[in-house]
Amino acid sequence: MRATVDRQWVMTEWLARGFSCDLWVDPPGQVWEDYRHATDELIMPVAGRLELEFGGQRFTPAPGEEVLIPAGMSHTVRNIGGTTAQWLYGYKQIHTG
């Protein structure tokens, strides 16, 4: 059984929690190595197979499974499937003043 991700629902939930929400698309074999962000980041696979690596661990989240990457944490995202991967990502919004 394949999970279907309701992107509009996820966007509404993430925005309510103070995160942005956008879709990213990667070709098979794409690797994003050793990235850091100043804010917390959420990632949720929509289609394909992703492998996330951070904090000394590797994760292979299923479509619809949310992963939180803490601010400042070095992380790598890999498309380990043989197809295009689609995933939602969002950054915690920083409010000043």
PDB file of N, CA and C in Angstrom:
ATOM      1  N   MET A   1       0.834  -1.191   0.000  1.00  0.00           N
ATOM      2  CA  MET A   1       0.000   0.000   0.000  1.00  0.00           C
ATOM      3  C   MET A   1       0.874   1.249   0.000  1.00  0.00           C
ATOM      4  N   ARG A   2       0.583   2.154  -0.869  1.00  0.00           N
ATOM      5  CA  ARG A   2       1.359   3.385  -0.994  1.00  0.00           C
ATOM      6  C   ARG A   2       0.642   4.535  -0.309  1.00  0.00           C
ATOM      7  N   ALA A   3       1.360   5.252   0.529  1.00  0.00           N
ATOM      8  CA  ALA A   3       0.775   6.391   1.233  1.00  0.00           C
ATOM      9  C   ALA A   3       0.598   7.557   0.268  1.00  0.00           C
ATOM     10  N   THR A   4      -0.499   8.264   0.408  1.00  0.00           N
ATOM     11  CA  THR A   4      -0.736   9.475  -0.362  1.00  0.00           C
ATOM     12  C   THR A   4      -0.646  10.658   0.587  1.00  0.00           C
ATOM     13  N   VAL A   5       0.139  11.649   0.205  1.00  0.00           N
ATOM     14  CA  VAL A   5       0.347  12.820   1.043  1.00  0.00           C
ATOM     15  C   VAL A   5      -0.578  13.939   0.577  1.00  0.00           C
ATOM     16  N   ASP A   6      -1.382  14.446   1.494  1.00  0.00           N
ATOM     17  CA  ASP A   6      -2.260  15.579   1.215  1.00  0.00           C
ATOM     18  C   ASP A   6      -1.441  16.852   1.431  1.00  0.00           C
ATOM     19  N   ARG A   7      -0.883  17.365   0.363  1.00  0.00           N
ATOM     20  CA  ARG A   7       0.029  18.518   0.461  1.00  0.00           C
ATOM     21  C   ARG A   7      -0.637  19.736   1.074  1.00  0.00           C
ATOM     22  N   GLN A   8      -1.903  19.975   0.754  1.00  0.00           N
ATOM     23  CA  GLN A   8      -2.592  21.140   1.307  1.00  0.00           C
ATOM     24  C   GLN A   8      -2.740  21.002   2.824  1.00  0.00           C
ATOM     25  N   TRP A   9      -3.068  19.809   3.306  1.00  0.00           N
ATOM     26  CA  TRP A   9      -3.192  19.582   4.745  1.00  0.00           C
ATOM     27  C   TRP A   9      -1.848  19.792   5.436  1.00  0.00           C
ATOM     28  N   VAL A  10      -0.777  19.228   4.847  1.00  0.00           N
ATOM     29  CA  VAL A  10       0.560  19.378   5.435  1.00  0.00           C
ATOM     30  C   VAL A  10       0.939  20.865   5.489  1.00  0.00           C
ATOM     31  N   MET A  11       0.693  21.586   4.402  1.00  0.00           N
ATOM     32  CA  MET A  11       1.036  23.004   4.367  1.00  0.00           C
ATOM     33  C   MET A  11       0.286  23.759   5.467  1.00  0.00           C
ATOM     34  N   THR A  12      -0.995  23.488   5.624  1.00  0.00           N
ATOM     35  CA  THR A  12      -1.792  24.149   6.655  1.00  0.00           C
ATOM     36  C   THR A  12      -1.236  23.849   8.048  1.00  0.00           C
ATOM     37  N   GLU A  13      -0.900  22.594   8.309  1.00  0.00           N
ATOM     38  CA  GLU A  13      -0.352  22.198   9.606  1.00  0.00           C
ATOM     39  C   GLU A  13       1.008  22.845   9.865  1.00  0.00           C
ATOM     40  N   TRP A  14       1.874  22.814   8.872  1.00  0.00           N
ATOM     41  CA  TRP A  14       3.203  23.389   9.046  1.00  0.00           C
ATOM     42  C   TRP A  14       3.130  24.892   9.253  1.00  0.00           C
ATOM     43  N   LEU A  15       2.293  25.574   8.477  1.00  0.00           N
ATOM     44  CA  LEU A  15       2.153  27.023   8.642  1.00  0.00           C
ATOM     45  C   LEU A  15       1.642  27.358  10.043  1.00  0.00           C
ATOM     46  N   ALA A  16       0.714  26.553  10.558  1.00  0.00           N
ATOM     47  CA  ALA A  16       0.182  26.774  11.902  1.00  0.00           C
ATOM     48  C   ALA A  16       1.270  26.590  12.965  1.00  0.00           C
ATOM     49  N   ARG A  17       2.274  25.780  12.659  1.00  0.00           N
ATOM     50  CA  ARG A  17       3.383  25.538  13.585  1.00  0.00           C
ATOM     51  C   ARG A  17       4.556  26.484  13.331  1.00  0.00           C
ATOM     52  N   GLY A  18       4.395  27.419  12.391  1.00  0.00           N
ATOM     53  CA  GLY A  18       5.423  28.429  12.151  1.00  0.00           C
ATOM     54  C   GLY A  18       6.468  28.037  11.122  1.00  0.00           C
ATOM     55  N   PHE A  19       6.171  27.043  10.267  1.00  0.00           N
ATOM     56  CA  PHE A  19       7.103  26.598   9.230  1.00  0.00           C
ATOM     57  C   PHE A  19       6.584  26.977   7.846  1.00  0.00           C
ATOM     58  N   SER A  20       7.508  27.217   6.932  1.00  0.00           N
ATOM     59  CA  SER A  20       7.142  27.366   5.527  1.00  0.00           C
ATOM     60  C   SER A  20       6.862  25.959   4.987  1.00  0.00           C
ATOM     61  N   CYS A  21       6.412  25.867   3.736  1.00  0.00           N
ATOM     62  CA  CYS A  21       6.179  24.558   3.123  1.00  0.00           C
ATOM     63  C   CYS A  21       6.272  24.692   1.614  1.00  0.00           C
ATOM     64  N   ASP A  22       7.252  24.002   1.030  1.00  0.00           N
ATOM     65  CA  ASP A  22       7.446  24.014  -0.420  1.00  0.00           C
ATOM     66  C   ASP A  22       7.766  22.604  -0.889  1.00  0.00           C
ATOM     67  N   LEU A  23       7.619  22.383  -2.186  1.00  0.00           N
ATOM     68  CA  LEU A  23       7.908  21.082  -2.794  1.00  0.00           C
ATOM     69  C   LEU A  23       9.262  21.125  -3.482  1.00  0.00           C
ATOM     70  N   TRP A  24      10.076  20.086  -3.277  1.00  0.00           N
ATOM     71  CA  TRP A  24      11.369  19.934  -3.941  1.00  0.00           C
ATOM     72  C   TRP A  24      11.319  18.665  -4.767  1.00  0.00           C
ATOM     73  N   VAL A  25      11.930  18.689  -5.950  1.00  0.00           N
ATOM     74  CA  VAL A  25      11.951  17.537  -6.852  1.00  0.00           C
ATOM     75  C   VAL A  25      13.390  17.237  -7.231  1.00  0.00           C
ATOM     76  N   ASP A  26      13.803  15.972  -7.051  1.00  0.00           N
ATOM     77  CA  ASP A  26      15.169  15.558  -7.360  1.00  0.00           C
ATOM     78  C   ASP A  26      15.179  14.374  -8.318  1.00  0.00           C
ATOM     79  N   PRO A  27      16.132  14.367  -9.269  1.00  0.00           N
ATOM     80  CA  PRO A  27      16.276  13.221 -10.157  1.00  0.00           C
ATOM     81  C   PRO A  27      16.896  12.039  -9.408  1.00  0.00           C
ATOM     82  N   PRO A  28      16.812  10.836  -9.963  1.00  0.00           N
ATOM     83  CA  PRO A  28      17.443   9.682  -9.337  1.00  0.00           C
ATOM     84  C   PRO A  28      18.928   9.943  -9.084  1.00  0.00           C
ATOM     85  N   GLY A  29      19.403   9.547  -7.907  1.00  0.00           N
ATOM     86  CA  GLY A  29      20.819   9.671  -7.573  1.00  0.00           C
ATOM     87  C   GLY A  29      21.246  11.024  -7.029  1.00  0.00           C
ATOM     88  N   GLN A  30      20.352  12.018  -6.985  1.00  0.00           N
ATOM     89  CA  GLN A  30      20.717  13.347  -6.476  1.00  0.00           C
ATOM     90  C   GLN A  30      21.132  13.267  -5.007  1.00  0.00           C
ATOM     91  N   VAL A  31      22.209  13.969  -4.658  1.00  0.00           N
ATOM     92  CA  VAL A  31      22.684  14.027  -3.280  1.00  0.00           C
ATOM     93  C   VAL A  31      22.925  15.491  -2.911  1.00  0.00           C
ATOM     94  N   TRP A  32      22.413  15.888  -1.755  1.00  0.00           N
ATOM     95  CA  TRP A  32      22.652  17.206  -1.173  1.00  0.00           C
ATOM     96  C   TRP A  32      23.442  16.950   0.106  1.00  0.00           C
ATOM     97  N   GLU A  33      24.735  17.249   0.079  1.00  0.00           N
ATOM     98  CA  GLU A  33      25.621  16.866   1.184  1.00  0.00           C
ATOM     99  C   GLU A  33      25.948  18.009   2.124  1.00  0.00           C
ATOM    100  N   ASP A  34      25.940  17.677   3.406  1.00  0.00           N
ATOM    101  CA  ASP A  34      26.447  18.540   4.474  1.00  0.00           C
ATOM    102  C   ASP A  34      25.874  19.959   4.452  1.00  0.00           C
ATOM    103  N   TYR A  35      24.556  20.046   4.503  1.00  0.00           N
ATOM    104  CA  TYR A  35      23.891  21.343   4.575  1.00  0.00           C
ATOM    105  C   TYR A  35      23.576  21.683   6.018  1.00  0.00           C
ATOM    106  N   ARG A  36      23.575  22.966   6.327  1.00  0.00           N
ATOM    107  CA  ARG A  36      23.182  23.493   7.646  1.00  0.00           C
ATOM    108  C   ARG A  36      22.277  24.697   7.416  1.00  0.00           C
ATOM    109  N   HIS A  37      21.301  24.827   8.285  1.00  0.00           N
ATOM    110  CA  HIS A  37      20.409  25.978   8.209  1.00  0.00           C
ATOM    111  C   HIS A  37      20.327  26.625   9.587  1.00  0.00           C
ATOM    112  N   ALA A  38      20.059  27.902   9.609  1.00  0.00           N
ATOM    113  CA  ALA A  38      20.000  28.654  10.864  1.00  0.00           C
ATOM    114  C   ALA A  38      18.734  28.355  11.665  1.00  0.00           C
ATOM    115  N   THR A  39      17.757  27.704  11.035  1.00  0.00           N
ATOM    116  CA  THR A  39      16.497  27.388  11.709  1.00  0.00           C
ATOM    117  C   THR A  39      16.196  25.898  11.572  1.00  0.00           C
ATOM    118  N   ASP A  40      15.244  25.416  12.372  1.00  0.00           N
ATOM    119  CA  ASP A  40      14.783  24.039  12.240  1.00  0.00           C
ATOM    120  C   ASP A  40      14.206  23.831  10.848  1.00  0.00           C
ATOM    121  N   GLU A  41      14.344  22.599  10.338  1.00  0.00           N
ATOM    122  CA  GLU A  41      13.805  22.250   9.021  1.00  0.00           C
ATOM    123  C   GLU A  41      12.957  20.994   9.147  1.00  0.00           C
ATOM    124  N   LEU A  42      11.820  20.991   8.463  1.00  0.00           N
ATOM    125  CA  LEU A  42      10.989  19.800   8.355  1.00  0.00           C
ATOM    126  C   LEU A  42      11.116  19.247   6.947  1.00  0.00           C
ATOM    127  N   ILE A  43      11.151  17.920   6.843  1.00  0.00           N
ATOM    128  CA  ILE A  43      11.172  17.239   5.549  1.00  0.00           C
ATOM    129  C   ILE A  43      10.137  16.129   5.592  1.00  0.00           C
ATOM    130  N   MET A  44       9.407  15.973   4.480  1.00  0.00           N
ATOM    131  CA  MET A  44       8.430  14.895   4.358  1.00  0.00           C
ATOM    132  C   MET A  44       8.430  14.379   2.917  1.00  0.00           C
ATOM    133  N   PRO A  45       8.837  13.125   2.705  1.00  0.00           N
ATOM    134  CA  PRO A  45       8.768  12.562   1.354  1.00  0.00           C
ATOM    135  C   PRO A  45       7.322  12.506   0.857  1.00  0.00           C
ATOM    136  N   VAL A  46       7.158  12.788  -0.428  1.00  0.00           N
ATOM    137  CA  VAL A  46       5.856  12.691  -1.078  1.00  0.00           C
ATOM    138  C   VAL A  46       5.867  11.501  -2.041  1.00  0.00           C
ATOM    139  N   ALA A  47       6.956  11.349  -2.795  1.00  0.00           N
ATOM    140  CA  ALA A  47       7.089  10.251  -3.762  1.00  0.00           C
ATOM    141  C   ALA A  47       8.566   9.903  -3.899  1.00  0.00           C
ATOM    142  N   GLY A  48       8.852   8.653  -4.179  1.00  0.00           N
ATOM    143  CA  GLY A  48      10.234   8.204  -4.320  1.00  0.00           C
ATOM    144  C   GLY A  48      10.805   7.774  -2.983  1.00  0.00           C
ATOM    145  N   ARG A  49      12.121   7.531  -2.963  1.00  0.00           N
ATOM    146  CA  ARG A  49      12.794   7.071  -1.742  1.00  0.00           C
ATOM    147  C   ARG A  49      13.931   8.014  -1.381  1.00  0.00           C
ATOM    148  N   LEU A  50      13.857   8.590  -0.190  1.00  0.00           N
ATOM    149  CA  LEU A  50      14.901   9.476   0.322  1.00  0.00           C
ATOM    150  C   LEU A  50      15.633   8.805   1.467  1.00  0.00           C
ATOM    151  N   GLU A  51      16.903   9.139   1.569  1.00  0.00           N
ATOM    152  CA  GLU A  51      17.689   8.771   2.742  1.00  0.00           C
ATOM    153  C   GLU A  51      18.209  10.070   3.337  1.00  0.00           C
ATOM    154  N   LEU A  52      17.971  10.248   4.638  1.00  0.00           N
ATOM    155  CA  LEU A  52      18.459  11.418   5.359  1.00  0.00           C
ATOM    156  C   LEU A  52      19.537  10.964   6.315  1.00  0.00           C
ATOM    157  N   GLU A  53      20.589  11.767   6.424  1.00  0.00           N
ATOM    158  CA  GLU A  53      21.668  11.440   7.343  1.00  0.00           C
ATOM    159  C   GLU A  53      21.994  12.677   8.175  1.00  0.00           C
ATOM    160  N   PHE A  54      21.875  12.530   9.496  1.00  0.00           N
ATOM    161  CA  PHE A  54      22.268  13.596  10.421  1.00  0.00           C
ATOM    162  C   PHE A  54      22.341  13.017  11.822  1.00  0.00           C
ATOM    163  N   GLY A  55      23.122  13.671  12.658  1.00  0.00           N
ATOM    164  CA  GLY A  55      23.261  13.229  14.031  1.00  0.00           C
ATOM    165  C   GLY A  55      23.840  11.832  14.163  1.00  0.00           C
ATOM    166  N   GLY A  56      24.652  11.425  13.178  1.00  0.00           N
ATOM    167  CA  GLY A  56      25.261  10.101  13.225  1.00  0.00           C
ATOM    168  C   GLY A  56      24.325   8.959  12.868  1.00  0.00           C
ATOM    169  N   GLN A  57      23.137   9.279  12.341  1.00  0.00           N
ATOM    170  CA  GLN A  57      22.173   8.238  11.979  1.00  0.00           C
ATOM    171  C   GLN A  57      21.667   8.446  10.557  1.00  0.00           C
ATOM    172  N   ARG A  58      21.185   7.348   9.979  1.00  0.00           N
ATOM    173  CA  ARG A  58      20.556   7.399   8.655  1.00  0.00           C
ATOM    174  C   ARG A  58      19.096   7.013   8.799  1.00  0.00           C
ATOM    175  N   PHE A  59      18.237   7.731   8.075  1.00  0.00           N
ATOM    176  CA  PHE A  59      16.808   7.498   8.115  1.00  0.00           C
ATOM    177  C   PHE A  59      16.305   7.312   6.686  1.00  0.00           C
ATOM    178  N   THR A  60      15.319   6.456   6.500  1.00  0.00           N
ATOM    179  CA  THR A  60      14.653   6.299   5.210  1.00  0.00           C
ATOM    180  C   THR A  60      13.160   6.493   5.463  1.00  0.00           C
ATOM    181  N   PRO A  61      12.733   7.759   5.580  1.00  0.00           N
ATOM    182  CA  PRO A  61      11.331   8.013   5.909  1.00  0.00           C
ATOM    183  C   PRO A  61      10.397   7.613   4.763  1.00  0.00           C
ATOM    184  N   ALA A  62       9.259   7.085   5.127  1.00  0.00           N
ATOM    185  CA  ALA A  62       8.232   6.711   4.158  1.00  0.00           C
ATOM    186  C   ALA A  62       7.473   7.957   3.718  1.00  0.00           C
ATOM    187  N   PRO A  63       6.822   7.914   2.561  1.00  0.00           N
ATOM    188  CA  PRO A  63       5.984   9.042   2.162  1.00  0.00           C
ATOM    189  C   PRO A  63       4.984   9.377   3.275  1.00  0.00           C
ATOM    190  N   GLY A  64       4.909  10.663   3.616  1.00  0.00           N
ATOM    191  CA  GLY A  64       4.016  11.109   4.667  1.00  0.00           C
ATOM    192  C   GLY A  64       4.645  11.148   6.050  1.00  0.00           C
ATOM    193  N   GLU A  65       5.864  10.621   6.192  1.00  0.00           N
ATOM    194  CA  GLU A  65       6.548  10.629   7.482  1.00  0.00           C
ATOM    195  C   GLU A  65       7.357  11.915   7.623  1.00  0.00           C
ATOM    196  N   GLU A  66       7.100  12.645   8.694  1.00  0.00           N
ATOM    197  CA  GLU A  66       7.764  13.927   8.931  1.00  0.00           C
ATOM    198  C   GLU A  66       9.062  13.722   9.705  1.00  0.00           C
ATOM    199  N   VAL A  67      10.114  14.434   9.270  1.00  0.00           N
ATOM    200  CA  VAL A  67      11.404  14.397   9.959  1.00  0.00           C
ATOM    201  C   VAL A  67      11.801  15.830  10.306  1.00  0.00           C
ATOM    202  N   LEU A  68      12.186  16.056  11.560  1.00  0.00           N
ATOM    203  CA  LEU A  68      12.661  17.362  12.005  1.00  0.00           C
ATOM    204  C   LEU A  68      14.179  17.343  12.061  1.00  0.00           C
ATOM    205  N   ILE A  69      14.795  18.301  11.375  1.00  0.00           N
ATOM    206  CA  ILE A  69      16.248  18.473  11.427  1.00  0.00           C
ATOM    207  C   ILE A  69      16.495  19.755  12.229  1.00  0.00           C
ATOM    208  N   PRO A  70      17.122  19.627  13.406  1.00  0.00           N
ATOM    209  CA  PRO A  70      17.331  20.806  14.258  1.00  0.00           C
ATOM    210  C   PRO A  70      18.237  21.854  13.601  1.00  0.00           C
ATOM    211  N   ALA A  71      18.012  23.103  13.963  1.00  0.00           N
ATOM    212  CA  ALA A  71      18.829  24.213  13.472  1.00  0.00           C
ATOM    213  C   ALA A  71      20.304  23.933  13.715  1.00  0.00           C
ATOM    214  N   GLY A  72      21.141  24.247  12.723  1.00  0.00           N
ATOM    215  CA  GLY A  72      22.580  24.103  12.842  1.00  0.00           C
ATOM    216  C   GLY A  72      23.108  22.698  12.641  1.00  0.00           C
ATOM    217  N   MET A  73      22.219  21.703  12.466  1.00  0.00           N
ATOM    218  CA  MET A  73      22.634  20.304  12.314  1.00  0.00           C
ATOM    219  C   MET A  73      23.063  20.044  10.866  1.00  0.00           C
ATOM    220  N   SER A  74      24.278  19.556  10.688  1.00  0.00           N
ATOM    221  CA  SER A  74      24.731  19.161   9.355  1.00  0.00           C
ATOM    222  C   SER A  74      23.908  17.953   8.910  1.00  0.00           C
ATOM    223  N   HIS A  75      23.403  18.003   7.670  1.00  0.00           N
ATOM    224  CA  HIS A  75      22.575  16.902   7.178  1.00  0.00           C
ATOM    225  C   HIS A  75      22.774  16.699   5.684  1.00  0.00           C
ATOM    226  N   THR A  76      22.501  15.474   5.274  1.00  0.00           N
ATOM    227  CA  THR A  76      22.606  15.081   3.874  1.00  0.00           C
ATOM    228  C   THR A  76      21.298  14.432   3.462  1.00  0.00           C
ATOM    229  N   VAL A  77      20.833  14.747   2.247  1.00  0.00           N
ATOM    230  CA  VAL A  77      19.618  14.154   1.693  1.00  0.00           C
ATOM    231  C   VAL A  77      19.998  13.472   0.389  1.00  0.00           C
ATOM    232  N   ARG A  78      19.607  12.198   0.246  1.00  0.00           N
ATOM    233  CA  ARG A  78      19.914  11.430  -0.966  1.00  0.00           C
ATOM    234  C   ARG A  78      18.641  10.845  -1.560  1.00  0.00           C
ATOM    235  N   ASN A  79      18.525  10.921  -2.875  1.00  0.00           N
ATOM    236  CA  ASN A  79      17.466  10.194  -3.576  1.00  0.00           C
ATOM    237  C   ASN A  79      18.034   8.811  -3.876  1.00  0.00           C
ATOM    238  N   ILE A  80      17.610   7.816  -3.100  1.00  0.00           N
ATOM    239  CA  ILE A  80      18.161   6.463  -3.248  1.00  0.00           C
ATOM    240  C   ILE A  80      17.267   5.564  -4.095  1.00  0.00           C
ATOM    241  N   GLY A  81      16.175   6.108  -4.614  1.00  0.00           N
ATOM    242  CA  GLY A  81      15.288   5.335  -5.471  1.00  0.00           C
ATOM    243  C   GLY A  81      15.710   5.460  -6.920  1.00  0.00           C
ATOM    244  N   GLY A  82      15.158   4.652  -7.751  1.00  0.00           N
ATOM    245  CA  GLY A  82      15.469   4.699  -9.171  1.00  0.00           C
ATOM    246  C   GLY A  82      14.564   5.631  -9.945  1.00  0.00           C
ATOM    247  N   THR A  83      13.788   6.452  -9.211  1.00  0.00           N
ATOM    248  CA  THR A  83      12.838   7.366  -9.846  1.00  0.00           C
ATOM    249  C   THR A  83      13.022   8.776  -9.280  1.00  0.00           C
ATOM    250  N   THR A  84      12.311   9.713  -9.857  1.00  0.00           N
ATOM    251  CA  THR A  84      12.305  11.076  -9.341  1.00  0.00           C
ATOM    252  C   THR A  84      11.721  11.065  -7.930  1.00  0.00           C
ATOM    253  N   ALA A  85      12.337  11.814  -7.035  1.00  0.00           N
ATOM    254  CA  ALA A  85      11.832  11.949  -5.664  1.00  0.00           C
ATOM    255  C   ALA A  85      11.203  13.327  -5.500  1.00  0.00           C
ATOM    256  N   GLN A  86      10.095  13.364  -4.790  1.00  0.00           N
ATOM    257  CA  GLN A  86       9.442  14.625  -4.449  1.00  0.00           C
ATOM    258  C   GLN A  86       9.321  14.669  -2.935  1.00  0.00           C
ATOM    259  N   TRP A  87       9.656  15.831  -2.362  1.00  0.00           N
ATOM    260  CA  TRP A  87       9.552  15.953  -0.917  1.00  0.00           C
ATOM    261  C   TRP A  87       9.206  17.365  -0.517  1.00  0.00           C
ATOM    262  N   LEU A  88       8.449  17.456   0.551  1.00  0.00           N
ATOM    263  CA  LEU A  88       8.110  18.744   1.125  1.00  0.00           C
ATOM    264  C   LEU A  88       9.201  19.137   2.102  1.00  0.00           C
ATOM    265  N   TYR A  89       9.493  20.420   2.140  1.00  0.00           N
ATOM    266  CA  TYR A  89      10.471  20.926   3.101  1.00  0.00           C
ATOM    267  C   TYR A  89       9.969  22.269   3.605  1.00  0.00           C
ATOM    268  N   GLY A  90      10.324  22.572   4.825  1.00  0.00           N
ATOM    269  CA  GLY A  90       9.929  23.851   5.408  1.00  0.00           C
ATOM    270  C   GLY A  90      10.907  24.281   6.466  1.00  0.00           C
ATOM    271  N   TYR A  91      11.040  25.582   6.599  1.00  0.00           N
ATOM    272  CA  TYR A  91      11.948  26.165   7.591  1.00  0.00           C
ATOM    273  C   TYR A  91      11.148  26.915   8.644  1.00  0.00           C
ATOM    274  N   LYS A  92      11.563  26.775   9.888  1.00  0.00           N
ATOM    275  CA  LYS A  92      10.916  27.511  10.982  1.00  0.00           C
ATOM    276  C   LYS A  92      11.128  28.993  10.743  1.00  0.00           C
ATOM    277  N   GLN A  93      10.042  29.727  10.782  1.00  0.00           N
ATOM    278  CA  GLN A  93      10.113  31.162  10.542  1.00  0.00           C
ATOM    279  C   GLN A  93      10.649  31.863  11.776  1.00  0.00           C
ATOM    280  N   ILE A  94      11.603  32.738  11.581  1.00  0.00           N
ATOM    281  CA  ILE A  94      12.199  33.503  12.676  1.00  0.00           C
ATOM    282  C   ILE A  94      11.452  34.826  12.790  1.00  0.00           C
ATOM    283  N   HIS A  95      10.907  35.069  13.960  1.00  0.00           N
ATOM    284  CA  HIS A  95      10.178  36.322  14.193  1.00  0.00           C
ATOM    285  C   HIS A  95      11.060  37.260  15.005  1.00  0.00           C
ATOM    286  N   THR A  96      11.203  38.457  14.509  1.00  0.00           N
ATOM    287  CA  THR A  96      12.016  39.460  15.219  1.00  0.00           C
ATOM    288  C   THR A  96      11.116  40.570  15.721  1.00  0.00           C
ATOM    289  N   GLY A  97      11.542  41.171  16.794  1.00  0.00           N
ATOM    290  CA  GLY A  97      10.853  42.321  17.342  1.00  0.00           C
ATOM    291  C   GLY A  97       9.642  41.953  18.050  1.00  0.00           C
TER     292      GLY A  97
END
